[in-house]
Amino acid sequence: MSKLLNKLVGERDWSAQEVSYILLGLPLQDSSRQVVTLDCRPEEVQNDAITVEDETVTAKRSPLRRYQDRLTDQANQQLACVTLFD
């Protein structure tokens, strides 16, 4: 294991800490903000958002579709003045 670690650090200019995190499967950063990926392709080629949690596959509306439907969703009427960026 230490030979592999030394080889990775030596060849790619990665720190020993970074390599250790990668090998252990730990996140390299922690943030208090949530990141949402927005698909910017034309709407006709976009699919629903698929999530996999605890071996359960679920299809949900994409973030763009949820934003566009916010005016007609009865549960989200308070979101009418919220921009996509917000």
PDB file of N, CA and C in Angstrom:
ATOM      1  N   MET A   1       0.830  -1.194   0.000  1.00  0.00           N
ATOM      2  CA  MET A   1       0.000   0.000   0.000  1.00  0.00           C
ATOM      3  C   MET A   1       0.868   1.248   0.000  1.00  0.00           C
ATOM      4  N   SER A   2       1.931   1.250   0.801  1.00  0.00           N
ATOM      5  CA  SER A   2       2.785   2.442   0.846  1.00  0.00           C
ATOM      6  C   SER A   2       3.519   2.648  -0.474  1.00  0.00           C
ATOM      7  N   LYS A   3       3.859   1.555  -1.195  1.00  0.00           N
ATOM      8  CA  LYS A   3       4.492   1.714  -2.506  1.00  0.00           C
ATOM      9  C   LYS A   3       3.526   2.366  -3.485  1.00  0.00           C
ATOM     10  N   LEU A   4       2.265   1.944  -3.450  1.00  0.00           N
ATOM     11  CA  LEU A   4       1.264   2.536  -4.313  1.00  0.00           C
ATOM     12  C   LEU A   4       1.073   4.012  -3.978  1.00  0.00           C
ATOM     13  N   LEU A   5       1.015   4.321  -2.706  1.00  0.00           N
ATOM     14  CA  LEU A   5       0.852   5.698  -2.254  1.00  0.00           C
ATOM     15  C   LEU A   5       2.027   6.547  -2.716  1.00  0.00           C
ATOM     16  N   ASN A   6       3.260   6.064  -2.527  1.00  0.00           N
ATOM     17  CA  ASN A   6       4.452   6.806  -2.949  1.00  0.00           C
ATOM     18  C   ASN A   6       4.487   6.997  -4.467  1.00  0.00           C
ATOM     19  N   LYS A   7       4.077   5.964  -5.208  1.00  0.00           N
ATOM     20  CA  LYS A   7       4.074   6.050  -6.661  1.00  0.00           C
ATOM     21  C   LYS A   7       3.068   7.105  -7.135  1.00  0.00           C
ATOM     22  N   LEU A   8       1.854   7.107  -6.564  1.00  0.00           N
ATOM     23  CA  LEU A   8       0.839   8.080  -6.952  1.00  0.00           C
ATOM     24  C   LEU A   8       1.274   9.503  -6.627  1.00  0.00           C
ATOM     25  N   VAL A   9       1.842   9.688  -5.448  1.00  0.00           N
ATOM     26  CA  VAL A   9       2.268  11.025  -5.035  1.00  0.00           C
ATOM     27  C   VAL A   9       3.419  11.502  -5.907  1.00  0.00           C
ATOM     28  N   GLY A  10       4.366  10.623  -6.192  1.00  0.00           N
ATOM     29  CA  GLY A  10       5.551  10.995  -6.954  1.00  0.00           C
ATOM     30  C   GLY A  10       5.273  11.310  -8.402  1.00  0.00           C
ATOM     31  N   GLU A  11       4.358  10.597  -9.036  1.00  0.00           N
ATOM     32  CA  GLU A  11       4.133  10.748 -10.468  1.00  0.00           C
ATOM     33  C   GLU A  11       3.165  11.867 -10.841  1.00  0.00           C
ATOM     34  N   ARG A  12       2.258  12.230  -9.968  1.00  0.00           N
ATOM     35  CA  ARG A  12       1.198  13.149 -10.373  1.00  0.00           C
ATOM     36  C   ARG A  12       1.164  14.447  -9.574  1.00  0.00           C
ATOM     37  N   ASP A  13       2.101  14.677  -8.743  1.00  0.00           N
ATOM     38  CA  ASP A  13       2.138  15.886  -7.922  1.00  0.00           C
ATOM     39  C   ASP A  13       0.882  16.050  -7.061  1.00  0.00           C
ATOM     40  N   TRP A  14       0.403  14.943  -6.529  1.00  0.00           N
ATOM     41  CA  TRP A  14      -0.705  14.968  -5.595  1.00  0.00           C
ATOM     42  C   TRP A  14      -0.129  14.896  -4.195  1.00  0.00           C
ATOM     43  N   SER A  15      -0.771  15.528  -3.266  1.00  0.00           N
ATOM     44  CA  SER A  15      -0.308  15.449  -1.884  1.00  0.00           C
ATOM     45  C   SER A  15      -0.661  14.073  -1.320  1.00  0.00           C
ATOM     46  N   ALA A  16       0.072  13.658  -0.308  1.00  0.00           N
ATOM     47  CA  ALA A  16      -0.211  12.380   0.339  1.00  0.00           C
ATOM     48  C   ALA A  16      -1.610  12.392   0.941  1.00  0.00           C
ATOM     49  N   GLN A  17      -2.027  13.539   1.447  1.00  0.00           N
ATOM     50  CA  GLN A  17      -3.372  13.652   2.030  1.00  0.00           C
ATOM     51  C   GLN A  17      -4.443  13.441   0.960  1.00  0.00           C
ATOM     52  N   GLU A  18      -4.252  14.038  -0.213  1.00  0.00           N
ATOM     53  CA  GLU A  18      -5.228  13.909  -1.294  1.00  0.00           C
ATOM     54  C   GLU A  18      -5.332  12.460  -1.766  1.00  0.00           C
ATOM     55  N   VAL A  19      -4.206  11.794  -1.922  1.00  0.00           N
ATOM     56  CA  VAL A  19      -4.195  10.399  -2.342  1.00  0.00           C
ATOM     57  C   VAL A  19      -4.869   9.525  -1.290  1.00  0.00           C
ATOM     58  N   SER A  20      -4.597   9.787  -0.018  1.00  0.00           N
ATOM     59  CA  SER A  20      -5.211   9.013   1.059  1.00  0.00           C
ATOM     60  C   SER A  20      -6.727   9.162   1.035  1.00  0.00           C
ATOM     61  N   TYR A  21      -7.206  10.374   0.826  1.00  0.00           N
ATOM     62  CA  TYR A  21      -8.653  10.596   0.770  1.00  0.00           C
ATOM     63  C   TYR A  21      -9.271   9.842  -0.394  1.00  0.00           C
ATOM     64  N   ILE A  22      -8.595   9.853  -1.554  1.00  0.00           N
ATOM     65  CA  ILE A  22      -9.107   9.153  -2.731  1.00  0.00           C
ATOM     66  C   ILE A  22      -9.138   7.647  -2.482  1.00  0.00           C
ATOM     67  N   LEU A  23      -8.062   7.097  -1.937  1.00  0.00           N
ATOM     68  CA  LEU A  23      -8.006   5.659  -1.684  1.00  0.00           C
ATOM     69  C   LEU A  23      -9.030   5.215  -0.648  1.00  0.00           C
ATOM     70  N   LEU A  24      -9.317   6.066   0.318  1.00  0.00           N
ATOM     71  CA  LEU A  24     -10.287   5.728   1.364  1.00  0.00           C
ATOM     72  C   LEU A  24     -11.718   6.079   0.972  1.00  0.00           C
ATOM     73  N   GLY A  25     -11.891   6.737  -0.171  1.00  0.00           N
ATOM     74  CA  GLY A  25     -13.221   7.097  -0.632  1.00  0.00           C
ATOM     75  C   GLY A  25     -13.862   8.219   0.160  1.00  0.00           C
ATOM     76  N   LEU A  26     -13.051   9.088   0.734  1.00  0.00           N
ATOM     77  CA  LEU A  26     -13.568  10.206   1.529  1.00  0.00           C
ATOM     78  C   LEU A  26     -13.729  11.437   0.641  1.00  0.00           C
ATOM     79  N   PRO A  27     -14.681  12.310   0.947  1.00  0.00           N
ATOM     80  CA  PRO A  27     -14.826  13.528   0.144  1.00  0.00           C
ATOM     81  C   PRO A  27     -13.623  14.450   0.353  1.00  0.00           C
ATOM     82  N   LEU A  28     -13.205  15.106  -0.715  1.00  0.00           N
ATOM     83  CA  LEU A  28     -12.055  15.996  -0.631  1.00  0.00           C
ATOM     84  C   LEU A  28     -12.423  17.366  -0.096  1.00  0.00           C
ATOM     85  N   GLN A  29     -13.702  17.671  -0.049  1.00  0.00           N
ATOM     86  CA  GLN A  29     -14.131  18.957   0.486  1.00  0.00           C
ATOM     87  C   GLN A  29     -15.483  18.793   1.147  1.00  0.00           C
ATOM     88  N   ASP A  30     -15.805  19.739   1.980  1.00  0.00           N
ATOM     89  CA  ASP A  30     -17.102  19.774   2.633  1.00  0.00           C
ATOM     90  C   ASP A  30     -17.620  21.192   2.500  1.00  0.00           C
ATOM     91  N   SER A  31     -18.881  21.331   2.161  1.00  0.00           N
ATOM     92  CA  SER A  31     -19.431  22.655   1.905  1.00  0.00           C
ATOM     93  C   SER A  31     -20.785  22.803   2.581  1.00  0.00           C
ATOM     94  N   SER A  32     -21.099  24.017   2.943  1.00  0.00           N
ATOM     95  CA  SER A  32     -22.407  24.285   3.540  1.00  0.00           C
ATOM     96  C   SER A  32     -23.435  24.622   2.460  1.00  0.00           C
ATOM     97  N   ARG A  33     -23.023  24.665   1.209  1.00  0.00           N
ATOM     98  CA  ARG A  33     -23.935  24.973   0.115  1.00  0.00           C
ATOM     99  C   ARG A  33     -24.304  23.708  -0.638  1.00  0.00           C
ATOM    100  N   GLN A  34     -25.519  23.687  -1.155  1.00  0.00           N
ATOM    101  CA  GLN A  34     -25.967  22.565  -1.961  1.00  0.00           C
ATOM    102  C   GLN A  34     -25.733  22.898  -3.426  1.00  0.00           C
ATOM    103  N   VAL A  35     -25.195  21.974  -4.178  1.00  0.00           N
ATOM    104  CA  VAL A  35     -24.937  22.180  -5.597  1.00  0.00           C
ATOM    105  C   VAL A  35     -25.996  21.425  -6.387  1.00  0.00           C
ATOM    106  N   VAL A  36     -26.644  22.118  -7.313  1.00  0.00           N
ATOM    107  CA  VAL A  36     -27.654  21.519  -8.172  1.00  0.00           C
ATOM    108  C   VAL A  36     -27.132  21.585  -9.603  1.00  0.00           C
ATOM    109  N   THR A  37     -27.076  20.453 -10.266  1.00  0.00           N
ATOM    110  CA  THR A  37     -26.618  20.409 -11.649  1.00  0.00           C
ATOM    111  C   THR A  37     -27.788  20.751 -12.558  1.00  0.00           C
ATOM    112  N   LEU A  38     -27.577  21.696 -13.454  1.00  0.00           N
ATOM    113  CA  LEU A  38     -28.625  22.145 -14.358  1.00  0.00           C
ATOM    114  C   LEU A  38     -28.270  21.728 -15.778  1.00  0.00           C
ATOM    115  N   ASP A  39     -29.138  20.957 -16.390  1.00  0.00           N
ATOM    116  CA  ASP A  39     -28.941  20.488 -17.762  1.00  0.00           C
ATOM    117  C   ASP A  39     -29.307  21.622 -18.714  1.00  0.00           C
ATOM    118  N   CYS A  40     -28.352  22.097 -19.494  1.00  0.00           N
ATOM    119  CA  CYS A  40     -28.574  23.241 -20.371  1.00  0.00           C
ATOM    120  C   CYS A  40     -28.842  22.838 -21.827  1.00  0.00           C
ATOM    121  N   ARG A  41     -29.053  21.559 -22.051  1.00  0.00           N
ATOM    122  CA  ARG A  41     -29.398  21.114 -23.407  1.00  0.00           C
ATOM    123  C   ARG A  41     -30.829  21.532 -23.720  1.00  0.00           C
ATOM    124  N   PRO A  42     -31.224  21.506 -25.010  1.00  0.00           N
ATOM    125  CA  PRO A  42     -32.616  21.828 -25.347  1.00  0.00           C
ATOM    126  C   PRO A  42     -33.587  20.930 -24.578  1.00  0.00           C
ATOM    127  N   GLU A  43     -34.747  21.477 -24.230  1.00  0.00           N
ATOM    128  CA  GLU A  43     -35.706  20.756 -23.390  1.00  0.00           C
ATOM    129  C   GLU A  43     -36.165  19.437 -23.996  1.00  0.00           C
ATOM    130  N   GLU A  44     -36.286  19.369 -25.315  1.00  0.00           N
ATOM    131  CA  GLU A  44     -36.806  18.144 -25.943  1.00  0.00           C
ATOM    132  C   GLU A  44     -35.854  16.954 -25.830  1.00  0.00           C
ATOM    133  N   VAL A  45     -34.587  17.179 -25.511  1.00  0.00           N
ATOM    134  CA  VAL A  45     -33.652  16.064 -25.356  1.00  0.00           C
ATOM    135  C   VAL A  45     -33.317  15.780 -23.888  1.00  0.00           C
ATOM    136  N   GLN A  46     -33.926  16.532 -22.981  1.00  0.00           N
ATOM    137  CA  GLN A  46     -33.673  16.306 -21.556  1.00  0.00           C
ATOM    138  C   GLN A  46     -34.586  15.214 -21.019  1.00  0.00           C
ATOM    139  N   ASN A  47     -34.051  14.427 -20.107  1.00  0.00           N
ATOM    140  CA  ASN A  47     -34.819  13.377 -19.452  1.00  0.00           C
ATOM    141  C   ASN A  47     -35.162  13.814 -18.036  1.00  0.00           C
ATOM    142  N   ASP A  48     -36.017  13.039 -17.383  1.00  0.00           N
ATOM    143  CA  ASP A  48     -36.297  13.284 -15.975  1.00  0.00           C
ATOM    144  C   ASP A  48     -35.050  12.999 -15.155  1.00  0.00           C
ATOM    145  N   ALA A  49     -34.967  13.613 -13.995  1.00  0.00           N
ATOM    146  CA  ALA A  49     -33.836  13.378 -13.100  1.00  0.00           C
ATOM    147  C   ALA A  49     -34.028  12.016 -12.427  1.00  0.00           C
ATOM    148  N   ILE A  50     -33.030  11.181 -12.485  1.00  0.00           N
ATOM    149  CA  ILE A  50     -33.071   9.854 -11.879  1.00  0.00           C
ATOM    150  C   ILE A  50     -32.192   9.878 -10.639  1.00  0.00           C
ATOM    151  N   THR A  51     -32.739   9.444  -9.507  1.00  0.00           N
ATOM    152  CA  THR A  51     -31.956   9.367  -8.276  1.00  0.00           C
ATOM    153  C   THR A  51     -31.944   7.927  -7.791  1.00  0.00           C
ATOM    154  N   VAL A  52     -30.813   7.536  -7.207  1.00  0.00           N
ATOM    155  CA  VAL A  52     -30.669   6.200  -6.643  1.00  0.00           C
ATOM    156  C   VAL A  52     -30.280   6.358  -5.186  1.00  0.00           C
ATOM    157  N   GLU A  53     -31.157   5.932  -4.296  1.00  0.00           N
ATOM    158  CA  GLU A  53     -30.897   6.009  -2.864  1.00  0.00           C
ATOM    159  C   GLU A  53     -31.295   4.688  -2.224  1.00  0.00           C
ATOM    160  N   ASP A  54     -30.389   4.099  -1.484  1.00  0.00           N
ATOM    161  CA  ASP A  54     -30.670   2.847  -0.775  1.00  0.00           C
ATOM    162  C   ASP A  54     -31.260   1.794  -1.705  1.00  0.00           C
ATOM    163  N   GLU A  55     -30.666   1.631  -2.874  1.00  0.00           N
ATOM    164  CA  GLU A  55     -31.074   0.648  -3.878  1.00  0.00           C
ATOM    165  C   GLU A  55     -32.478   0.899  -4.430  1.00  0.00           C
ATOM    166  N   THR A  56     -32.990   2.117  -4.286  1.00  0.00           N
ATOM    167  CA  THR A  56     -34.289   2.490  -4.827  1.00  0.00           C
ATOM    168  C   THR A  56     -34.079   3.532  -5.918  1.00  0.00           C
ATOM    169  N   VAL A  57     -34.602   3.270  -7.113  1.00  0.00           N
ATOM    170  CA  VAL A  57     -34.470   4.177  -8.240  1.00  0.00           C
ATOM    171  C   VAL A  57     -35.760   4.989  -8.363  1.00  0.00           C
ATOM    172  N   THR A  58     -35.613   6.314  -8.427  1.00  0.00           N
ATOM    173  CA  THR A  58     -36.767   7.202  -8.486  1.00  0.00           C
ATOM    174  C   THR A  58     -36.579   8.210  -9.617  1.00  0.00           C
ATOM    175  N   ALA A  59     -37.640   8.419 -10.401  1.00  0.00           N
ATOM    176  CA  ALA A  59     -37.624   9.448 -11.450  1.00  0.00           C
ATOM    177  C   ALA A  59     -38.336  10.683 -10.911  1.00  0.00           C
ATOM    178  N   LYS A  60     -37.680  11.822 -11.019  1.00  0.00           N
ATOM    179  CA  LYS A  60     -38.248  13.083 -10.558  1.00  0.00           C
ATOM    180  C   LYS A  60     -38.140  14.105 -11.676  1.00  0.00           C
ATOM    181  N   ARG A  61     -38.884  15.191 -11.533  1.00  0.00           N
ATOM    182  CA  ARG A  61     -38.757  16.275 -12.511  1.00  0.00           C
ATOM    183  C   ARG A  61     -37.363  16.890 -12.384  1.00  0.00           C
ATOM    184  N   SER A  62     -36.834  17.333 -13.490  1.00  0.00           N
ATOM    185  CA  SER A  62     -35.528  17.992 -13.479  1.00  0.00           C
ATOM    186  C   SER A  62     -35.645  19.338 -12.761  1.00  0.00           C
ATOM    187  N   PRO A  63     -34.530  19.889 -12.273  1.00  0.00           N
ATOM    188  CA  PRO A  63     -34.588  21.206 -11.629  1.00  0.00           C
ATOM    189  C   PRO A  63     -35.179  22.281 -12.542  1.00  0.00           C
ATOM    190  N   LEU A  64     -34.879  22.229 -13.833  1.00  0.00           N
ATOM    191  CA  LEU A  64     -35.435  23.208 -14.763  1.00  0.00           C
ATOM    192  C   LEU A  64     -36.949  23.051 -14.882  1.00  0.00           C
ATOM    193  N   ARG A  65     -37.427  21.814 -14.986  1.00  0.00           N
ATOM    194  CA  ARG A  65     -38.869  21.561 -15.089  1.00  0.00           C
ATOM    195  C   ARG A  65     -39.582  21.997 -13.806  1.00  0.00           C
ATOM    196  N   ARG A  66     -39.000  21.734 -12.649  1.00  0.00           N
ATOM    197  CA  ARG A  66     -39.606  22.166 -11.383  1.00  0.00           C
ATOM    198  C   ARG A  66     -39.692  23.691 -11.334  1.00  0.00           C
ATOM    199  N   TYR A  67     -38.649  24.366 -11.814  1.00  0.00           N
ATOM    200  CA  TYR A  67     -38.658  25.834 -11.852  1.00  0.00           C
ATOM    201  C   TYR A  67     -39.761  26.338 -12.781  1.00  0.00           C
ATOM    202  N   GLN A  68     -39.869  25.737 -13.956  1.00  0.00           N
ATOM    203  CA  GLN A  68     -40.879  26.181 -14.913  1.00  0.00           C
ATOM    204  C   GLN A  68     -42.305  25.911 -14.411  1.00  0.00           C
ATOM    205  N   ASP A  69     -42.499  24.841 -13.666  1.00  0.00           N
ATOM    206  CA  ASP A  69     -43.820  24.467 -13.158  1.00  0.00           C
ATOM    207  C   ASP A  69     -44.184  25.171 -11.858  1.00  0.00           C
ATOM    208  N   ARG A  70     -43.306  26.003 -11.323  1.00  0.00           N
ATOM    209  CA  ARG A  70     -43.540  26.600 -10.009  1.00  0.00           C
ATOM    210  C   ARG A  70     -44.779  27.485  -9.979  1.00  0.00           C
ATOM    211  N   LEU A  71     -45.168  28.063 -11.110  1.00  0.00           N
ATOM    212  CA  LEU A  71     -46.341  28.937 -11.142  1.00  0.00           C
ATOM    213  C   LEU A  71     -47.649  28.149 -11.132  1.00  0.00           C
ATOM    214  N   THR A  72     -47.618  26.917 -11.619  1.00  0.00           N
ATOM    215  CA  THR A  72     -48.841  26.105 -11.672  1.00  0.00           C
ATOM    216  C   THR A  72     -48.947  25.106 -10.532  1.00  0.00           C
ATOM    217  N   ASP A  73     -47.865  24.839  -9.828  1.00  0.00           N
ATOM    218  CA  ASP A  73     -47.903  23.919  -8.689  1.00  0.00           C
ATOM    219  C   ASP A  73     -48.633  24.580  -7.526  1.00  0.00           C
ATOM    220  N   GLN A  74     -49.670  23.944  -7.044  1.00  0.00           N
ATOM    221  CA  GLN A  74     -50.429  24.503  -5.932  1.00  0.00           C
ATOM    222  C   GLN A  74     -49.593  24.566  -4.661  1.00  0.00           C
ATOM    223  N   ALA A  75     -48.693  23.613  -4.468  1.00  0.00           N
ATOM    224  CA  ALA A  75     -47.885  23.568  -3.245  1.00  0.00           C
ATOM    225  C   ALA A  75     -46.784  24.616  -3.243  1.00  0.00           C
ATOM    226  N   ASN A  76     -46.441  25.161  -4.409  1.00  0.00           N
ATOM    227  CA  ASN A  76     -45.302  26.080  -4.507  1.00  0.00           C
ATOM    228  C   ASN A  76     -45.702  27.486  -4.945  1.00  0.00           C
ATOM    229  N   GLN A  77     -46.866  27.946  -4.605  1.00  0.00           N
ATOM    230  CA  GLN A  77     -47.298  29.276  -5.008  1.00  0.00           C
ATOM    231  C   GLN A  77     -46.395  30.384  -4.440  1.00  0.00           C
ATOM    232  N   GLN A  78     -45.800  30.150  -3.283  1.00  0.00           N
ATOM    233  CA  GLN A  78     -44.935  31.171  -2.677  1.00  0.00           C
ATOM    234  C   GLN A  78     -43.610  31.309  -3.442  1.00  0.00           C
ATOM    235  N   LEU A  79     -43.339  30.435  -4.387  1.00  0.00           N
ATOM    236  CA  LEU A  79     -42.086  30.477  -5.154  1.00  0.00           C
ATOM    237  C   LEU A  79     -42.221  31.248  -6.464  1.00  0.00           C
ATOM    238  N   ALA A  80     -43.351  31.890  -6.697  1.00  0.00           N
ATOM    239  CA  ALA A  80     -43.598  32.558  -7.968  1.00  0.00           C
ATOM    240  C   ALA A  80     -42.568  33.645  -8.283  1.00  0.00           C
ATOM    241  N   CYS A  81     -42.071  34.340  -7.268  1.00  0.00           N
ATOM    242  CA  CYS A  81     -41.130  35.440  -7.515  1.00  0.00           C
ATOM    243  C   CYS A  81     -39.660  35.018  -7.337  1.00  0.00           C
ATOM    244  N   VAL A  82     -39.389  33.734  -7.183  1.00  0.00           N
ATOM    245  CA  VAL A  82     -38.019  33.254  -7.006  1.00  0.00           C
ATOM    246  C   VAL A  82     -37.397  33.019  -8.382  1.00  0.00           C
ATOM    247  N   THR A  83     -36.183  33.513  -8.563  1.00  0.00           N
ATOM    248  CA  THR A  83     -35.498  33.305  -9.845  1.00  0.00           C
ATOM    249  C   THR A  83     -34.844  31.934  -9.880  1.00  0.00           C
ATOM    250  N   LEU A  84     -34.480  31.488 -11.063  1.00  0.00           N
ATOM    251  CA  LEU A  84     -33.816  30.191 -11.214  1.00  0.00           C
ATOM    252  C   LEU A  84     -32.504  30.168 -10.459  1.00  0.00           C
ATOM    253  N   PHE A  85     -31.778  31.265 -10.483  1.00  0.00           N
ATOM    254  CA  PHE A  85     -30.497  31.327  -9.778  1.00  0.00           C
ATOM    255  C   PHE A  85     -30.673  31.157  -8.262  1.00  0.00           C
ATOM    256  N   ASP A  86     -31.723  31.775  -7.723  1.00  0.00           N
ATOM    257  CA  ASP A  86     -31.975  31.666  -6.272  1.00  0.00           C
ATOM    258  C   ASP A  86     -32.345  30.257  -5.905  1.00  0.00           C
TER     259      ASP A  86
END
